[in-house]
Amino acid sequence: MTGAGLSFDKAVNYSHIMQLTDSFTLSSTQDLMAVPAINVEGEVNALIEIPTGTSAKWEMNKDNTQEVIWELKNDKPRIVNYLGYPGNYGTIPGTAMPKELGGDGDPLDVLVLGQSIPRGEVLSVRLIGVLKMLDGGEQDDKLIAVITEDSPFANIESMKQLDEEFPAVSEIVRLWFENYKGPNGGMEAQGFADHQEAMDVLKQAMNAYQNSLN
């Protein structure tokens, strides 16, 4: 199997902590799910899977959590057939949101606003809110965070402050997620909630993951 046919992934940088073992696999020497969800500075750790502006659908490998892999669909690498992601898309290690709490059993999704970060990087970010989403009628919320250093968004602490200092950014994010799967993609945005609700979701998911290990 060859690549996707176009250079969707050729210009993307990879984290120095990861090794590109083939065109579809990044490998780490550590279990990425063992990275704590909250770091010693009290910020959130986010594993970047899809850098800002790119469209190749990579994700942490659920069967081997030392890897980040290019998702396959019908034996072909997945590409978002839309504008590239409006932020760095990734996951929060050490979390799992079960369906009874409105999740899908996977680690929490997070969109990190700011400049493109290398794929596979574990980045310290600040949660500022959550976009409430339905995907085919099922809850599929997206946490919203910002890069805390060397970023225009470094001082942002809430959705309200984001809207005041960067007009229309939240609207761009909402429109992107509502439309990136196409006209009949089943995505429905239900609005944003602020920092406290995002932290509540995070803590629930951290507890759920810890309970799954017992």
Protein backbone atom coordinates (compact mmCIF):
# COMPACT_ATOMS: atom_id res chain seq x y z
CA MET A 1 0.00 0.00 0.00
CA THR A 2 1.34 3.41 -0.94
CA GLY A 3 0.50 6.84 0.41
CA ALA A 4 -2.67 8.81 -0.15
CA GLY A 5 -1.70 9.84 -3.67
CA LEU A 6 -1.04 13.47 -2.76
CA SER A 7 1.42 15.00 -0.33
CA PHE A 8 -1.15 15.49 2.45
CA ASP A 9 1.42 14.47 5.03
CA LYS A 10 4.82 15.25 3.56
CA ALA A 11 5.31 18.72 5.07
CA VAL A 12 4.30 17.79 8.63
CA ASN A 13 6.97 17.80 11.33
CA TYR A 14 7.07 15.05 13.94
CA SER A 15 7.97 15.29 17.61
CA HIS A 16 11.59 14.56 18.45
CA ILE A 17 10.36 12.04 21.02
CA MET A 18 8.72 9.95 18.28
CA GLN A 19 10.22 7.75 15.57
CA LEU A 20 8.59 7.40 12.14
CA THR A 21 8.70 3.63 11.71
CA ASP A 22 6.79 3.66 8.40
CA SER A 23 4.54 6.02 6.42
CA PHE A 24 1.63 5.31 8.74
CA THR A 25 3.19 4.88 12.19
CA LEU A 26 4.94 7.05 14.77
CA SER A 27 6.39 5.16 17.72
CA SER A 28 7.32 6.29 21.21
CA THR A 29 9.41 4.58 23.87
CA GLN A 30 6.70 5.27 26.44
CA ASP A 31 3.05 4.39 26.90
CA LEU A 32 1.34 7.62 25.87
CA MET A 33 -1.71 6.85 28.02
CA ALA A 34 0.59 6.78 31.05
CA VAL A 35 1.28 10.51 30.59
CA PRO A 36 -0.71 12.31 33.32
CA ALA A 37 -3.70 14.33 32.15
CA ILE A 38 -2.64 17.22 34.40
CA ASN A 39 1.05 18.07 34.70
CA VAL A 40 3.07 19.42 37.64
CA GLU A 41 2.36 23.02 36.57
CA GLY A 42 -1.37 22.34 36.89
CA GLU A 43 -1.91 22.61 33.13
CA VAL A 44 -3.31 19.90 30.86
CA ASN A 45 -1.17 17.57 28.75
CA ALA A 46 -2.40 17.21 25.17
CA LEU A 47 -1.04 14.68 22.66
CA ILE A 48 -1.09 16.37 19.25
CA GLU A 49 -2.32 14.02 16.53
CA ILE A 50 -3.29 16.47 13.75
CA PRO A 51 -1.33 19.77 13.52
CA THR A 52 -3.11 23.05 12.74
CA GLY A 53 -3.92 23.46 9.04
CA THR A 54 -3.44 19.80 8.10
CA SER A 55 -6.01 17.23 7.00
CA ALA A 56 -4.48 13.74 7.42
CA LYS A 57 -6.39 11.89 10.15
CA TRP A 58 -3.87 10.49 12.61
CA GLU A 59 -4.74 9.16 16.07
CA MET A 60 -3.22 7.40 19.03
CA ASN A 61 -3.34 3.65 18.38
CA LYS A 62 -5.92 2.16 20.75
CA ASP A 63 -4.31 -1.28 20.40
CA ASN A 64 -0.78 -0.05 21.07
CA THR A 65 -0.74 3.22 23.00
CA GLN A 66 2.96 3.75 22.31
CA GLU A 67 2.00 4.61 18.72
CA VAL A 68 0.29 7.38 16.79
CA ILE A 69 -1.05 6.03 13.49
CA TRP A 70 -2.61 7.30 10.29
CA GLU A 71 -6.20 6.07 10.41
CA LEU A 72 -7.28 3.74 7.62
CA LYS A 73 -10.75 3.49 6.11
CA ASN A 74 -11.37 0.82 3.48
CA ASP A 75 -7.59 0.20 3.52
CA LYS A 76 -6.87 3.82 2.55
CA PRO A 77 -5.38 6.59 4.72
CA ARG A 78 -8.10 8.93 5.96
CA ILE A 79 -8.11 12.53 4.78
CA VAL A 80 -10.51 15.25 5.88
CA ASN A 81 -12.07 16.42 2.63
CA TYR A 82 -12.38 20.01 3.78
CA LEU A 83 -10.24 22.90 4.97
CA GLY A 84 -7.43 21.83 7.30
CA TYR A 85 -8.05 21.70 11.04
CA PRO A 86 -8.44 25.19 12.60
CA GLY A 87 -6.22 24.23 15.54
CA ASN A 88 -4.00 21.39 16.73
CA TYR A 89 -6.31 18.41 17.22
CA GLY A 90 -5.42 15.73 19.68
CA THR A 91 -6.28 13.76 22.75
CA ILE A 92 -5.76 14.06 26.49
CA PRO A 93 -3.89 11.01 27.82
CA GLY A 94 -5.00 9.35 31.02
CA THR A 95 -8.68 10.00 30.28
CA ALA A 96 -11.65 7.98 29.06
CA MET A 97 -15.23 9.19 28.75
CA PRO A 98 -17.71 6.30 28.90
CA LYS A 99 -21.02 6.46 27.09
CA GLU A 100 -22.99 6.80 30.31
CA LEU A 101 -21.20 10.14 30.81
CA GLY A 102 -21.80 11.31 27.24
CA GLY A 103 -18.60 9.99 25.66
CA ASP A 104 -17.54 7.18 23.35
CA GLY A 105 -15.15 5.34 25.65
CA ASP A 106 -12.08 6.94 24.07
CA PRO A 107 -9.72 9.56 25.55
CA LEU A 108 -11.05 13.12 25.43
CA ASP A 109 -10.71 15.08 22.19
CA VAL A 110 -9.12 18.51 22.39
CA LEU A 111 -8.58 21.33 19.90
CA VAL A 112 -5.59 23.49 20.83
CA LEU A 113 -5.71 26.98 19.34
CA GLY A 114 -2.41 28.34 18.09
CA GLN A 115 0.42 27.73 15.68
CA SER A 116 1.10 24.29 14.23
CA ILE A 117 2.73 21.85 16.69
CA PRO A 118 4.64 18.75 15.51
CA ARG A 119 2.63 15.54 15.39
CA GLY A 120 3.25 13.31 18.41
CA GLU A 121 4.27 16.19 20.68
CA VAL A 122 2.91 16.18 24.23
CA LEU A 123 2.11 19.82 24.90
CA SER A 124 1.16 21.71 28.05
CA VAL A 125 -2.09 23.57 27.32
CA ARG A 126 -4.76 25.54 29.16
CA LEU A 127 -8.40 24.48 28.92
CA ILE A 128 -10.72 27.41 28.23
CA GLY A 129 -14.00 25.71 27.31
CA VAL A 130 -15.82 22.95 25.50
CA LEU A 131 -17.79 22.81 22.25
CA LYS A 132 -20.90 20.70 22.82
CA MET A 133 -21.41 18.53 19.73
CA LEU A 134 -23.67 15.78 18.47
CA ASP A 135 -22.29 13.35 15.89
CA GLY A 136 -25.10 11.33 14.36
CA GLY A 137 -27.17 12.10 17.44
CA GLU A 138 -24.50 10.93 19.90
CA GLN A 139 -22.58 13.30 22.19
CA ASP A 140 -19.13 14.08 20.82
CA ASP A 141 -17.85 17.13 22.71
CA LYS A 142 -14.57 18.86 21.85
CA LEU A 143 -12.53 20.47 24.60
CA ILE A 144 -11.03 23.82 23.59
CA ALA A 145 -7.56 24.79 24.81
CA VAL A 146 -4.76 27.26 24.06
CA ILE A 147 -0.98 27.04 23.83
CA THR A 148 0.40 28.68 26.96
CA GLU A 149 3.76 29.90 25.60
CA ASP A 150 4.90 31.75 22.45
CA SER A 151 1.35 32.03 21.13
CA PRO A 152 -1.10 34.88 20.44
CA PHE A 153 -3.55 32.95 22.65
CA ALA A 154 -1.16 32.42 25.58
CA ASN A 155 -3.05 34.70 27.99
CA ILE A 156 -6.57 33.46 27.15
CA GLU A 157 -8.33 31.82 30.09
CA SER A 158 -12.00 31.63 29.02
CA MET A 159 -14.29 31.51 25.99
CA LYS A 160 -15.54 34.97 26.94
CA GLN A 161 -12.01 36.39 26.83
CA LEU A 162 -11.34 34.57 23.54
CA ASP A 163 -14.41 36.18 21.95
CA GLU A 164 -13.45 39.61 23.27
CA GLU A 165 -9.81 39.54 22.14
CA PHE A 166 -10.11 37.37 19.03
CA PRO A 167 -13.54 38.02 17.48
CA ALA A 168 -15.04 35.17 15.42
CA VAL A 169 -12.41 32.53 16.33
CA SER A 170 -14.97 30.48 18.26
CA GLU A 171 -17.43 30.88 15.38
CA ILE A 172 -14.80 29.59 12.93
CA VAL A 173 -14.23 26.57 15.17
CA ARG A 174 -17.98 25.88 15.48
CA LEU A 175 -18.59 26.19 11.74
CA TRP A 176 -15.62 23.96 10.95
CA PHE A 177 -16.78 21.11 13.16
CA GLU A 178 -20.36 21.40 11.94
CA ASN A 179 -19.34 21.15 8.29
CA TYR A 180 -16.08 19.20 7.90
CA LYS A 181 -17.88 15.90 7.28
CA GLY A 182 -19.95 17.39 4.47
CA PRO A 183 -23.58 18.48 3.99
CA ASN A 184 -25.00 15.26 5.47
CA GLY A 185 -22.23 14.53 7.93
CA GLY A 186 -24.48 14.45 10.99
CA MET A 187 -22.50 17.01 12.99
CA GLU A 188 -24.53 19.44 15.11
CA ALA A 189 -23.04 22.10 17.38
CA GLN A 190 -24.96 22.90 20.56
CA GLY A 191 -22.86 25.84 21.69
CA PHE A 192 -19.88 26.43 23.94
CA ALA A 193 -19.55 25.97 27.67
CA ASP A 194 -16.81 27.69 29.63
CA HIS A 195 -13.70 26.70 31.57
CA GLN A 196 -15.39 25.22 34.63
CA GLU A 197 -17.53 22.79 32.64
CA ALA A 198 -14.48 21.79 30.61
CA MET A 199 -12.60 21.02 33.84
CA ASP A 200 -15.57 19.06 35.17
CA VAL A 201 -15.57 16.94 31.99
CA LEU A 202 -11.82 16.41 32.33
CA LYS A 203 -12.04 15.29 35.95
CA GLN A 204 -14.87 12.86 35.15
CA ALA A 205 -12.82 11.37 32.33
CA MET A 206 -9.71 11.10 34.51
CA ASN A 207 -11.70 9.24 37.17
CA ALA A 208 -13.29 6.98 34.55
CA TYR A 209 -9.89 6.03 33.16
CA GLN A 210 -8.48 5.28 36.61
CA ASN A 211 -11.52 3.13 37.41
CA SER A 212 -10.98 1.20 34.18
CA LEU A 213 -7.51 0.21 35.37
CA ASN A 214 -8.82 -1.31 38.61
